[in-house]
Amino acid sequence: MERELALEIVRVTEAAALASAQWMGRGKKNEADNAATSAMRAMFDSVNMNGTVVIGEGELDEAPMLYIGEVLGNGNGPQVDIAVDPLEGTSIVAKGHPNAMAVVAIGDKGCLLHAPDMYMEKIAVGPKAAGLVRLDDPIEKTIDIIAKMTNKRVQDVTVIIQERKRHDEIIDRVRKKGARVKLFGDGDVGAAIATALPQTGIDLFIGIGGAPEGVISAAALKALGGDMQARLVPMNDEEVERCKRMGLEDPTQILQLEDLVRGDDAIFAATGVSSGELLEGVRFLGGDLVETDSIVMRAKTKTVRYIKAHHHLSNKPHLVME
């Protein structure tokens, strides 16, 4: 992939964030998602690439745009796979809660797992514990490994877990072990990535969430030197068959980071919609001036850029809410 593509993709996530942020706290998650999706789709048209959506808003008959199989870009650049989540945290934005982002991951053609829209078990860590944790290990053993590799006491290890009934047992076991638990509501892409960024104080992400979000997270973790293991959780025979149609003969196999994002390169970009662990949200500064906070990273070079940008909405009328 061309290195210039990394900065082009930030323009895409910025557009989605700017469009959806105007729906913050209005209680209308569908409108926020539609705004992000439309803005992202329009901006993709200007990017020098020949991309195919492998993780998107749904199948062709389910989504009017950014559907799986859709071709994006102006057709002049490299052939790439694209994973998109125009608004990670639609309910977050509707309620005015933190940690909503617009995210995109890109890999060379054929390198991103075509993850079906179903549940996935996931465990993610930062560089210090990369290659040392296993999805099937007892959580107590995993915490001991992380404490050793990060030079922390067990009671200083922080595990981030989505606050869901299905995670009650793991939450209880982490607390009994003596480690710290940080709960979050929605948006597990940011939670997984936080394990690889020292400033967040997060050491381990574990739990069951969306499979598409797992692949997007894996692209970022690859760029940050972190690690992830995952396993799909099909809920019925139909989901098992869908896994097989997408190339996973054994849907219950443990997927390594290299299975999720193959090859030595991937690009991840995100722009904050509401402030959270990784990024500040979109800030309306008065008049038509708006500020965004983004991150973009590339696996091949391990370069991570934080980008703060000022936008004049009067020059971007297609992003202004009617």
C-alpha atoms as a PDB file:
ATOM      1  CA  MET A   1       0.000   0.000   0.000  1.00  0.00           C
ATOM      2  CA  GLU A   2       1.080   3.571  -0.626  1.00  0.00           C
ATOM      3  CA  ARG A   3       2.070   5.431   2.535  1.00  0.00           C
ATOM      4  CA  GLU A   4       0.022   8.448   1.455  1.00  0.00           C
ATOM      5  CA  LEU A   5      -3.082   6.311   1.871  1.00  0.00           C
ATOM      6  CA  ALA A   6      -2.796   6.574   5.657  1.00  0.00           C
ATOM      7  CA  LEU A   7      -3.387  10.323   5.650  1.00  0.00           C
ATOM      8  CA  GLU A   8      -6.127  10.032   3.041  1.00  0.00           C
ATOM      9  CA  ILE A   9      -8.031   7.632   5.260  1.00  0.00           C
ATOM     10  CA  VAL A  10      -7.994  10.134   8.123  1.00  0.00           C
ATOM     11  CA  ARG A  11      -9.984  12.500   5.924  1.00  0.00           C
ATOM     12  CA  VAL A  12     -12.584   9.740   5.650  1.00  0.00           C
ATOM     13  CA  THR A  13     -12.933   9.212   9.412  1.00  0.00           C
ATOM     14  CA  GLU A  14     -12.938  12.977  10.021  1.00  0.00           C
ATOM     15  CA  ALA A  15     -15.877  13.414   7.654  1.00  0.00           C
ATOM     16  CA  ALA A  16     -17.861  10.657   9.376  1.00  0.00           C
ATOM     17  CA  ALA A  17     -17.125  12.094  12.815  1.00  0.00           C
ATOM     18  CA  LEU A  18     -18.078  15.631  11.825  1.00  0.00           C
ATOM     19  CA  ALA A  19     -21.375  14.488  10.347  1.00  0.00           C
ATOM     20  CA  SER A  20     -22.420  12.214  13.212  1.00  0.00           C
ATOM     21  CA  ALA A  21     -21.310  14.517  16.052  1.00  0.00           C
ATOM     22  CA  GLN A  22     -24.101  16.913  15.182  1.00  0.00           C
ATOM     23  CA  TRP A  23     -26.522  14.246  16.429  1.00  0.00           C
ATOM     24  CA  MET A  24     -24.822  13.964  19.822  1.00  0.00           C
ATOM     25  CA  GLY A  25     -27.299  13.516  22.648  1.00  0.00           C
ATOM     26  CA  ARG A  26     -30.375  13.889  20.433  1.00  0.00           C
ATOM     27  CA  GLY A  27     -31.615  10.351  21.065  1.00  0.00           C
ATOM     28  CA  LYS A  28     -31.555   9.408  17.379  1.00  0.00           C
ATOM     29  CA  LYS A  29     -28.971   6.703  16.789  1.00  0.00           C
ATOM     30  CA  ASN A  30     -30.143   5.785  13.284  1.00  0.00           C
ATOM     31  CA  GLU A  31     -29.854   9.361  12.094  1.00  0.00           C
ATOM     32  CA  ALA A  32     -26.360   9.627  13.594  1.00  0.00           C
ATOM     33  CA  ASP A  33     -25.291   6.392  11.908  1.00  0.00           C
ATOM     34  CA  ASN A  34     -26.774   7.404   8.560  1.00  0.00           C
ATOM     35  CA  ALA A  35     -24.982  10.745   8.708  1.00  0.00           C
ATOM     36  CA  ALA A  36     -21.647   9.075   9.421  1.00  0.00           C
ATOM     37  CA  THR A  37     -22.149   6.469   6.706  1.00  0.00           C
ATOM     38  CA  SER A  38     -23.145   8.987   4.022  1.00  0.00           C
ATOM     39  CA  ALA A  39     -20.201  11.267   4.810  1.00  0.00           C
ATOM     40  CA  MET A  40     -17.727   8.403   4.851  1.00  0.00           C
ATOM     41  CA  ARG A  41     -19.042   7.041   1.548  1.00  0.00           C
ATOM     42  CA  ALA A  42     -18.742  10.405  -0.166  1.00  0.00           C
ATOM     43  CA  MET A  43     -15.180  10.998   1.053  1.00  0.00           C
ATOM     44  CA  PHE A  44     -14.035   7.528  -0.024  1.00  0.00           C
ATOM     45  CA  ASP A  45     -14.827   8.501  -3.620  1.00  0.00           C
ATOM     46  CA  SER A  46     -11.897  10.930  -3.611  1.00  0.00           C
ATOM     47  CA  VAL A  47      -9.289   8.467  -2.295  1.00  0.00           C
ATOM     48  CA  ASN A  48      -6.674   7.030  -4.673  1.00  0.00           C
ATOM     49  CA  MET A  49      -7.384   3.343  -4.267  1.00  0.00           C
ATOM     50  CA  ASN A  50      -9.396   0.459  -5.631  1.00  0.00           C
ATOM     51  CA  GLY A  51     -10.975  -0.888  -2.471  1.00  0.00           C
ATOM     52  CA  THR A  52     -13.551  -3.533  -1.652  1.00  0.00           C
ATOM     53  CA  VAL A  53     -15.572  -3.491   1.558  1.00  0.00           C
ATOM     54  CA  VAL A  54     -15.106  -6.813   3.399  1.00  0.00           C
ATOM     55  CA  ILE A  55     -16.569  -5.589   6.690  1.00  0.00           C
ATOM     56  CA  GLY A  56     -19.296  -2.992   6.390  1.00  0.00           C
ATOM     57  CA  GLU A  57     -22.826  -1.986   7.265  1.00  0.00           C
ATOM     58  CA  GLY A  58     -24.322  -5.263   6.062  1.00  0.00           C
ATOM     59  CA  GLU A  59     -25.067  -7.143   2.860  1.00  0.00           C
ATOM     60  CA  LEU A  60     -26.232  -5.392  -0.310  1.00  0.00           C
ATOM     61  CA  ASP A  61     -29.907  -5.985   0.486  1.00  0.00           C
ATOM     62  CA  GLU A  62     -29.461  -4.752   4.075  1.00  0.00           C
ATOM     63  CA  ALA A  63     -27.502  -1.529   3.596  1.00  0.00           C
ATOM     64  CA  PRO A  64     -27.859   1.238   1.006  1.00  0.00           C
ATOM     65  CA  MET A  65     -24.134   2.029   1.163  1.00  0.00           C
ATOM     66  CA  LEU A  66     -20.861   0.717   2.553  1.00  0.00           C
ATOM     67  CA  TYR A  67     -22.190  -2.812   2.144  1.00  0.00           C
ATOM     68  CA  ILE A  68     -19.987  -5.887   1.966  1.00  0.00           C
ATOM     69  CA  GLY A  69     -18.640  -6.200  -1.556  1.00  0.00           C
ATOM     70  CA  GLU A  70     -19.039  -2.523  -2.443  1.00  0.00           C
ATOM     71  CA  VAL A  71     -16.157  -1.004  -4.411  1.00  0.00           C
ATOM     72  CA  LEU A  72     -14.763   2.258  -3.000  1.00  0.00           C
ATOM     73  CA  GLY A  73     -12.158   4.779  -4.112  1.00  0.00           C
ATOM     74  CA  ASN A  74     -11.513   6.458  -7.427  1.00  0.00           C
ATOM     75  CA  GLY A  75     -10.002   3.305  -8.907  1.00  0.00           C
ATOM     76  CA  ASN A  76      -6.540   4.784  -9.476  1.00  0.00           C
ATOM     77  CA  GLY A  77      -4.631   3.323  -6.543  1.00  0.00           C
ATOM     78  CA  PRO A  78      -3.779  -0.033  -4.989  1.00  0.00           C
ATOM     79  CA  GLN A  79      -6.247  -2.874  -4.552  1.00  0.00           C
ATOM     80  CA  VAL A  80      -7.168  -3.121  -0.875  1.00  0.00           C
ATOM     81  CA  ASP A  81      -9.634  -4.667   1.541  1.00  0.00           C
ATOM     82  CA  ILE A  82     -11.614  -2.211   3.652  1.00  0.00           C
ATOM     83  CA  ALA A  83     -13.251  -2.684   7.052  1.00  0.00           C
ATOM     84  CA  VAL A  84     -15.477   0.189   8.148  1.00  0.00           C
ATOM     85  CA  ASP A  85     -17.486   1.190  11.162  1.00  0.00           C
ATOM     86  CA  PRO A  86     -18.703   4.689  10.286  1.00  0.00           C
ATOM     87  CA  LEU A  87     -19.957   5.178  13.828  1.00  0.00           C
ATOM     88  CA  GLU A  88     -18.685   2.789  16.461  1.00  0.00           C
ATOM     89  CA  GLY A  89     -21.177   3.507  19.174  1.00  0.00           C
ATOM     90  CA  THR A  90     -24.467   4.645  17.655  1.00  0.00           C
ATOM     91  CA  SER A  91     -26.210   4.377  21.020  1.00  0.00           C
ATOM     92  CA  ILE A  92     -23.303   6.217  22.622  1.00  0.00           C
ATOM     93  CA  VAL A  93     -23.868   9.230  20.393  1.00  0.00           C
ATOM     94  CA  ALA A  94     -27.639   9.112  20.811  1.00  0.00           C
ATOM     95  CA  LYS A  95     -27.227   9.225  24.601  1.00  0.00           C
ATOM     96  CA  GLY A  96     -24.285  11.631  24.660  1.00  0.00           C
ATOM     97  CA  HIS A  97     -21.950   9.096  26.271  1.00  0.00           C
ATOM     98  CA  PRO A  98     -18.148   8.857  25.805  1.00  0.00           C
ATOM     99  CA  ASN A  99     -15.995   6.685  23.501  1.00  0.00           C
ATOM    100  CA  ALA A 100     -17.796   6.959  20.145  1.00  0.00           C
ATOM    101  CA  MET A 101     -15.488   6.919  17.112  1.00  0.00           C
ATOM    102  CA  ALA A 102     -15.498   6.690  13.334  1.00  0.00           C
ATOM    103  CA  VAL A 103     -13.067   3.943  12.315  1.00  0.00           C
ATOM    104  CA  VAL A 104     -11.569   2.426   9.168  1.00  0.00           C
ATOM    105  CA  ALA A 105      -9.047  -0.380   8.692  1.00  0.00           C
ATOM    106  CA  ILE A 106      -7.380  -1.168   5.372  1.00  0.00           C
ATOM    107  CA  GLY A 107      -5.237  -4.103   4.315  1.00  0.00           C
ATOM    108  CA  ASP A 108      -3.779  -5.396   1.083  1.00  0.00           C
ATOM    109  CA  LYS A 109      -6.337  -7.296  -0.974  1.00  0.00           C
ATOM    110  CA  GLY A 110      -7.130 -10.658   0.617  1.00  0.00           C
ATOM    111  CA  CYS A 111      -5.470  -9.805   3.935  1.00  0.00           C
ATOM    112  CA  LEU A 112      -8.440  -8.917   6.192  1.00  0.00           C
ATOM    113  CA  LEU A 113     -10.547 -11.741   7.591  1.00  0.00           C
ATOM    114  CA  HIS A 114     -14.057 -11.535   6.119  1.00  0.00           C
ATOM    115  CA  ALA A 115     -15.590 -11.800   9.565  1.00  0.00           C
ATOM    116  CA  PRO A 116     -19.329 -12.486   9.610  1.00  0.00           C
ATOM    117  CA  ASP A 117     -21.583 -10.264  11.703  1.00  0.00           C
ATOM    118  CA  MET A 118     -21.791 -12.436  14.803  1.00  0.00           C
ATOM    119  CA  TYR A 119     -20.283 -12.734  18.266  1.00  0.00           C
ATOM    120  CA  MET A 120     -16.589 -13.335  18.814  1.00  0.00           C
ATOM    121  CA  GLU A 121     -14.566 -14.149  21.937  1.00  0.00           C
ATOM    122  CA  LYS A 122     -11.573 -11.826  22.153  1.00  0.00           C
ATOM    123  CA  ILE A 123      -8.500 -11.188  24.238  1.00  0.00           C
ATOM    124  CA  ALA A 124      -6.108  -8.321  23.544  1.00  0.00           C
ATOM    125  CA  VAL A 125      -2.891  -7.083  25.136  1.00  0.00           C
ATOM    126  CA  GLY A 126      -0.169  -4.558  24.465  1.00  0.00           C
ATOM    127  CA  PRO A 127       3.389  -5.164  23.233  1.00  0.00           C
ATOM    128  CA  LYS A 128       4.861  -6.224  26.587  1.00  0.00           C
ATOM    129  CA  ALA A 129       2.614  -9.299  26.807  1.00  0.00           C
ATOM    130  CA  ALA A 130       2.333 -10.004  23.074  1.00  0.00           C
ATOM    131  CA  GLY A 131       2.648 -13.690  22.253  1.00  0.00           C
ATOM    132  CA  LEU A 132       2.288 -14.758  25.878  1.00  0.00           C
ATOM    133  CA  VAL A 133      -1.461 -14.842  26.545  1.00  0.00           C
ATOM    134  CA  ARG A 134      -3.937 -17.473  25.369  1.00  0.00           C
ATOM    135  CA  LEU A 135      -7.676 -17.156  24.928  1.00  0.00           C
ATOM    136  CA  ASP A 136      -8.297 -20.471  26.709  1.00  0.00           C
ATOM    137  CA  ASP A 137      -5.977 -19.809  29.658  1.00  0.00           C
ATOM    138  CA  PRO A 138      -7.622 -19.145  33.027  1.00  0.00           C
ATOM    139  CA  ILE A 139      -7.962 -15.414  33.557  1.00  0.00           C
ATOM    140  CA  GLU A 140      -5.979 -15.733  36.780  1.00  0.00           C
ATOM    141  CA  LYS A 141      -2.966 -17.089  34.872  1.00  0.00           C
ATOM    142  CA  THR A 142      -3.271 -14.338  32.267  1.00  0.00           C
ATOM    143  CA  ILE A 143      -3.275 -11.632  34.932  1.00  0.00           C
ATOM    144  CA  ASP A 144      -0.131 -13.113  36.513  1.00  0.00           C
ATOM    145  CA  ILE A 145       1.620 -13.066  33.120  1.00  0.00           C
ATOM    146  CA  ILE A 146       0.651  -9.460  32.479  1.00  0.00           C
ATOM    147  CA  ALA A 147       1.727  -8.383  35.964  1.00  0.00           C
ATOM    148  CA  LYS A 148       5.146  -9.954  35.402  1.00  0.00           C
ATOM    149  CA  MET A 149       5.657  -8.531  31.909  1.00  0.00           C
ATOM    150  CA  THR A 150       4.525  -5.011  32.801  1.00  0.00           C
ATOM    151  CA  ASN A 151       6.370  -4.988  36.130  1.00  0.00           C
ATOM    152  CA  LYS A 152       3.155  -4.291  38.014  1.00  0.00           C
ATOM    153  CA  ARG A 153       1.606  -5.729  41.125  1.00  0.00           C
ATOM    154  CA  VAL A 154      -1.494  -7.807  40.449  1.00  0.00           C
ATOM    155  CA  GLN A 155      -3.596  -5.190  42.200  1.00  0.00           C
ATOM    156  CA  ASP A 156      -2.323  -2.587  39.726  1.00  0.00           C
ATOM    157  CA  VAL A 157      -3.263  -4.579  36.603  1.00  0.00           C
ATOM    158  CA  THR A 158      -6.335  -3.094  34.876  1.00  0.00           C
ATOM    159  CA  VAL A 159      -8.681  -5.295  32.860  1.00  0.00           C
ATOM    160  CA  ILE A 160     -11.271  -3.620  30.635  1.00  0.00           C
ATOM    161  CA  ILE A 161     -14.499  -5.587  30.129  1.00  0.00           C
ATOM    162  CA  GLN A 162     -17.805  -4.731  28.510  1.00  0.00           C
ATOM    163  CA  GLU A 163     -20.572  -4.415  31.081  1.00  0.00           C
ATOM    164  CA  ARG A 164     -22.854  -7.233  29.972  1.00  0.00           C
ATOM    165  CA  LYS A 165     -24.575 -10.097  31.801  1.00  0.00           C
ATOM    166  CA  ARG A 166     -22.521 -12.613  29.822  1.00  0.00           C
ATOM    167  CA  HIS A 167     -19.364 -11.247  31.436  1.00  0.00           C
ATOM    168  CA  ASP A 168     -20.489 -11.435  35.075  1.00  0.00           C
ATOM    169  CA  GLU A 169     -18.406 -14.530  35.824  1.00  0.00           C
ATOM    170  CA  ILE A 170     -15.187 -13.182  34.321  1.00  0.00           C
ATOM    171  CA  ILE A 171     -15.662  -9.855  36.106  1.00  0.00           C
ATOM    172  CA  ASP A 172     -16.088 -11.676  39.402  1.00  0.00           C
ATOM    173  CA  ARG A 173     -12.960 -13.780  38.820  1.00  0.00           C
ATOM    174  CA  VAL A 174     -10.839 -10.751  37.965  1.00  0.00           C
ATOM    175  CA  ARG A 175     -11.962  -9.020  41.134  1.00  0.00           C
ATOM    176  CA  LYS A 176     -11.308 -12.099  43.272  1.00  0.00           C
ATOM    177  CA  LYS A 177      -7.812 -12.282  41.786  1.00  0.00           C
ATOM    178  CA  GLY A 178      -7.282  -8.759  43.068  1.00  0.00           C
ATOM    179  CA  ALA A 179      -6.886  -6.942  39.750  1.00  0.00           C
ATOM    180  CA  ARG A 180      -8.725  -3.782  38.789  1.00  0.00           C
ATOM    181  CA  VAL A 181     -11.799  -3.880  36.525  1.00  0.00           C
ATOM    182  CA  LYS A 182     -12.763  -1.057  34.210  1.00  0.00           C
ATOM    183  CA  LEU A 183     -16.228  -1.523  32.734  1.00  0.00           C
ATOM    184  CA  PHE A 184     -17.472   0.045  29.524  1.00  0.00           C
ATOM    185  CA  GLY A 185     -20.841   0.100  27.797  1.00  0.00           C
ATOM    186  CA  ASP A 186     -20.431   0.103  24.011  1.00  0.00           C
ATOM    187  CA  GLY A 187     -17.533   0.467  21.614  1.00  0.00           C
ATOM    188  CA  ASP A 188     -15.099  -2.409  22.048  1.00  0.00           C
ATOM    189  CA  VAL A 189     -12.715  -1.317  19.270  1.00  0.00           C
ATOM    190  CA  GLY A 190     -11.399   1.490  21.434  1.00  0.00           C
ATOM    191  CA  ALA A 191     -11.277  -0.774  24.489  1.00  0.00           C
ATOM    192  CA  ALA A 192      -9.123  -3.366  22.727  1.00  0.00           C
ATOM    193  CA  ILE A 193      -6.750  -0.781  21.265  1.00  0.00           C
ATOM    194  CA  ALA A 194      -6.338   0.874  24.672  1.00  0.00           C
ATOM    195  CA  THR A 195      -4.287  -2.114  25.858  1.00  0.00           C
ATOM    196  CA  ALA A 196      -1.469  -1.148  23.466  1.00  0.00           C
ATOM    197  CA  LEU A 197      -1.324   2.548  24.386  1.00  0.00           C
ATOM    198  CA  PRO A 198       0.508   3.110  27.697  1.00  0.00           C
ATOM    199  CA  GLN A 199      -1.220   6.400  28.498  1.00  0.00           C
ATOM    200  CA  THR A 200      -4.577   4.651  28.924  1.00  0.00           C
ATOM    201  CA  GLY A 201      -3.445   2.497  31.857  1.00  0.00           C
ATOM    202  CA  ILE A 202      -5.329  -0.493  30.395  1.00  0.00           C
ATOM    203  CA  ASP A 203      -3.455  -3.815  30.439  1.00  0.00           C
ATOM    204  CA  LEU A 204      -5.926  -6.418  29.199  1.00  0.00           C
ATOM    205  CA  PHE A 205      -9.127  -6.549  27.172  1.00  0.00           C
ATOM    206  CA  ILE A 206     -11.259  -9.678  27.341  1.00  0.00           C
ATOM    207  CA  GLY A 207     -14.825 -10.612  26.513  1.00  0.00           C
ATOM    208  CA  ILE A 208     -17.363 -11.419  23.827  1.00  0.00           C
ATOM    209  CA  GLY A 209     -18.268  -8.764  21.285  1.00  0.00           C
ATOM    210  CA  GLY A 210     -18.775  -8.277  17.580  1.00  0.00           C
ATOM    211  CA  ALA A 211     -16.587 -10.178  15.116  1.00  0.00           C
ATOM    212  CA  PRO A 212     -16.275  -7.271  12.634  1.00  0.00           C
ATOM    213  CA  GLU A 213     -15.034  -5.044  15.444  1.00  0.00           C
ATOM    214  CA  GLY A 214     -12.487  -7.728  16.287  1.00  0.00           C
ATOM    215  CA  VAL A 215     -10.879  -7.517  12.845  1.00  0.00           C
ATOM    216  CA  ILE A 216     -10.804  -3.716  12.935  1.00  0.00           C
ATOM    217  CA  SER A 217      -9.166  -3.821  16.383  1.00  0.00           C
ATOM    218  CA  ALA A 218      -6.642  -6.377  15.147  1.00  0.00           C
ATOM    219  CA  ALA A 219      -5.438  -3.999  12.417  1.00  0.00           C
ATOM    220  CA  ALA A 220      -4.652  -1.356  15.028  1.00  0.00           C
ATOM    221  CA  LEU A 221      -3.023  -3.827  17.419  1.00  0.00           C
ATOM    222  CA  LYS A 222      -0.799  -5.080  14.600  1.00  0.00           C
ATOM    223  CA  ALA A 223       0.419  -1.534  14.012  1.00  0.00           C
ATOM    224  CA  LEU A 224       0.999  -0.986  17.737  1.00  0.00           C
ATOM    225  CA  GLY A 225       2.856  -4.252  18.335  1.00  0.00           C
ATOM    226  CA  GLY A 226       0.061  -5.639  20.496  1.00  0.00           C
ATOM    227  CA  ASP A 227      -1.594  -9.029  20.226  1.00  0.00           C
ATOM    228  CA  MET A 228      -5.031 -10.564  19.952  1.00  0.00           C
ATOM    229  CA  GLN A 229      -6.596 -13.996  19.908  1.00  0.00           C
ATOM    230  CA  ALA A 230     -10.200 -14.598  18.967  1.00  0.00           C
ATOM    231  CA  ARG A 231     -12.812 -17.261  18.318  1.00  0.00           C
ATOM    232  CA  LEU A 232     -16.152 -16.926  16.593  1.00  0.00           C
ATOM    233  CA  VAL A 233     -19.270 -17.763  18.604  1.00  0.00           C
ATOM    234  CA  PRO A 234     -21.955 -18.871  16.117  1.00  0.00           C
ATOM    235  CA  MET A 235     -25.361 -19.018  17.788  1.00  0.00           C
ATOM    236  CA  ASN A 236     -27.112 -21.375  15.368  1.00  0.00           C
ATOM    237  CA  ASP A 237     -26.612 -23.634  12.332  1.00  0.00           C
ATOM    238  CA  GLU A 238     -27.175 -20.743   9.947  1.00  0.00           C
ATOM    239  CA  GLU A 239     -24.288 -18.808  11.473  1.00  0.00           C
ATOM    240  CA  VAL A 240     -22.084 -21.917  11.337  1.00  0.00           C
ATOM    241  CA  GLU A 241     -22.811 -22.263   7.622  1.00  0.00           C
ATOM    242  CA  ARG A 242     -22.113 -18.590   7.052  1.00  0.00           C
ATOM    243  CA  CYS A 243     -18.689 -19.003   8.648  1.00  0.00           C
ATOM    244  CA  LYS A 244     -17.928 -21.851   6.269  1.00  0.00           C
ATOM    245  CA  ARG A 245     -19.066 -19.831   3.260  1.00  0.00           C
ATOM    246  CA  MET A 246     -16.619 -17.131   4.291  1.00  0.00           C
ATOM    247  CA  GLY A 247     -13.733 -19.598   4.358  1.00  0.00           C
ATOM    248  CA  LEU A 248     -13.707 -20.745   7.994  1.00  0.00           C
ATOM    249  CA  GLU A 249     -14.182 -24.504   7.877  1.00  0.00           C
ATOM    250  CA  ASP A 250     -13.863 -24.739  11.659  1.00  0.00           C
ATOM    251  CA  PRO A 251     -15.769 -21.751  13.083  1.00  0.00           C
ATOM    252  CA  THR A 252     -14.597 -22.605  16.617  1.00  0.00           C
ATOM    253  CA  GLN A 253     -10.861 -22.492  15.884  1.00  0.00           C
ATOM    254  CA  ILE A 254      -8.739 -19.979  17.758  1.00  0.00           C
ATOM    255  CA  LEU A 255      -7.769 -17.156  15.429  1.00  0.00           C
ATOM    256  CA  GLN A 256      -4.358 -15.571  15.890  1.00  0.00           C
ATOM    257  CA  LEU A 257      -3.609 -11.954  15.038  1.00  0.00           C
ATOM    258  CA  GLU A 258      -2.130 -13.131  11.741  1.00  0.00           C
ATOM    259  CA  ASP A 259      -5.412 -14.909  10.909  1.00  0.00           C
ATOM    260  CA  LEU A 260      -7.355 -11.707  11.459  1.00  0.00           C
ATOM    261  CA  VAL A 261      -4.972  -9.443   9.554  1.00  0.00           C
ATOM    262  CA  ARG A 262      -2.564 -11.278   7.265  1.00  0.00           C
ATOM    263  CA  GLY A 263       0.672  -9.901   5.846  1.00  0.00           C
ATOM    264  CA  ASP A 264       3.009  -7.250   7.175  1.00  0.00           C
ATOM    265  CA  ASP A 265       0.929  -4.160   6.466  1.00  0.00           C
ATOM    266  CA  ALA A 266      -2.360  -2.636   7.545  1.00  0.00           C
ATOM    267  CA  ILE A 267      -3.624   0.870   8.157  1.00  0.00           C
ATOM    268  CA  PHE A 268      -5.994   1.902  10.938  1.00  0.00           C
ATOM    269  CA  ALA A 269      -7.552   5.327  11.362  1.00  0.00           C
ATOM    270  CA  ALA A 270     -10.077   6.686  13.844  1.00  0.00           C
ATOM    271  CA  THR A 271     -11.573  10.059  14.673  1.00  0.00           C
ATOM    272  CA  GLY A 272     -13.264  10.688  17.991  1.00  0.00           C
ATOM    273  CA  VAL A 273     -16.939  11.597  17.953  1.00  0.00           C
ATOM    274  CA  SER A 274     -17.324  11.803  21.726  1.00  0.00           C
ATOM    275  CA  SER A 275     -14.342  12.011  24.080  1.00  0.00           C
ATOM    276  CA  GLY A 276     -13.015   8.727  25.441  1.00  0.00           C
ATOM    277  CA  GLU A 277     -10.000   6.578  26.288  1.00  0.00           C
ATOM    278  CA  LEU A 278      -8.211   7.166  22.985  1.00  0.00           C
ATOM    279  CA  LEU A 279      -9.404  10.428  21.495  1.00  0.00           C
ATOM    280  CA  GLU A 280     -11.134  13.690  22.223  1.00  0.00           C
ATOM    281  CA  GLY A 281     -14.533  14.101  20.642  1.00  0.00           C
ATOM    282  CA  VAL A 282     -15.626  16.612  18.034  1.00  0.00           C
ATOM    283  CA  ARG A 283     -15.633  20.084  19.561  1.00  0.00           C
ATOM    284  CA  PHE A 284     -17.779  22.928  18.215  1.00  0.00           C
ATOM    285  CA  LEU A 285     -15.708  26.058  18.912  1.00  0.00           C
ATOM    286  CA  GLY A 286     -18.206  28.685  17.853  1.00  0.00           C
ATOM    287  CA  GLY A 287     -19.249  30.069  14.510  1.00  0.00           C
ATOM    288  CA  ASP A 288     -18.498  27.457  11.883  1.00  0.00           C
ATOM    289  CA  LEU A 289     -15.209  26.282  13.459  1.00  0.00           C
ATOM    290  CA  VAL A 290     -14.991  22.669  14.585  1.00  0.00           C
ATOM    291  CA  GLU A 291     -12.016  20.696  15.957  1.00  0.00           C
ATOM    292  CA  THR A 292     -11.395  16.958  15.512  1.00  0.00           C
ATOM    293  CA  ASP A 293      -8.946  14.565  17.133  1.00  0.00           C
ATOM    294  CA  SER A 294      -7.731  11.541  15.146  1.00  0.00           C
ATOM    295  CA  ILE A 295      -5.215   8.734  15.242  1.00  0.00           C
ATOM    296  CA  VAL A 296      -3.745   6.894  12.265  1.00  0.00           C
ATOM    297  CA  MET A 297      -1.227   4.061  12.310  1.00  0.00           C
ATOM    298  CA  ARG A 298       0.491   1.751   9.868  1.00  0.00           C
ATOM    299  CA  ALA A 299       1.665  -1.772  10.680  1.00  0.00           C
ATOM    300  CA  LYS A 300       4.541  -1.875   8.195  1.00  0.00           C
ATOM    301  CA  THR A 301       6.387   1.092   9.719  1.00  0.00           C
ATOM    302  CA  LYS A 302       4.803   1.055  13.208  1.00  0.00           C
ATOM    303  CA  THR A 303       4.217   4.788  12.774  1.00  0.00           C
ATOM    304  CA  VAL A 304       1.449   6.287  14.915  1.00  0.00           C
ATOM    305  CA  ARG A 305       0.226   9.803  14.243  1.00  0.00           C
ATOM    306  CA  TYR A 306      -2.149  11.901  16.316  1.00  0.00           C
ATOM    307  CA  ILE A 307      -3.849  14.559  14.225  1.00  0.00           C
ATOM    308  CA  LYS A 308      -5.737  17.568  15.543  1.00  0.00           C
ATOM    309  CA  ALA A 309      -7.557  19.464  12.824  1.00  0.00           C
ATOM    310  CA  HIS A 310      -9.719  22.575  12.512  1.00  0.00           C
ATOM    311  CA  HIS A 311     -12.598  22.493  10.049  1.00  0.00           C
ATOM    312  CA  HIS A 312     -14.796  25.316   8.757  1.00  0.00           C
ATOM    313  CA  LEU A 313     -18.225  23.830   8.224  1.00  0.00           C
ATOM    314  CA  SER A 314     -19.197  26.624   5.843  1.00  0.00           C
ATOM    315  CA  ASN A 315     -16.707  25.062   3.438  1.00  0.00           C
ATOM    316  CA  LYS A 316     -18.218  21.605   3.963  1.00  0.00           C
ATOM    317  CA  PRO A 317     -21.970  22.126   3.484  1.00  0.00           C
ATOM    318  CA  HIS A 318     -22.534  18.412   2.799  1.00  0.00           C
ATOM    319  CA  LEU A 319     -21.620  17.708   6.449  1.00  0.00           C
ATOM    320  CA  VAL A 320     -24.018  20.215   7.992  1.00  0.00           C
ATOM    321  CA  MET A 321     -27.180  18.771   9.518  1.00  0.00           C
ATOM    322  CA  GLU A 322     -30.350  20.092   7.983  1.00  0.00           C
END
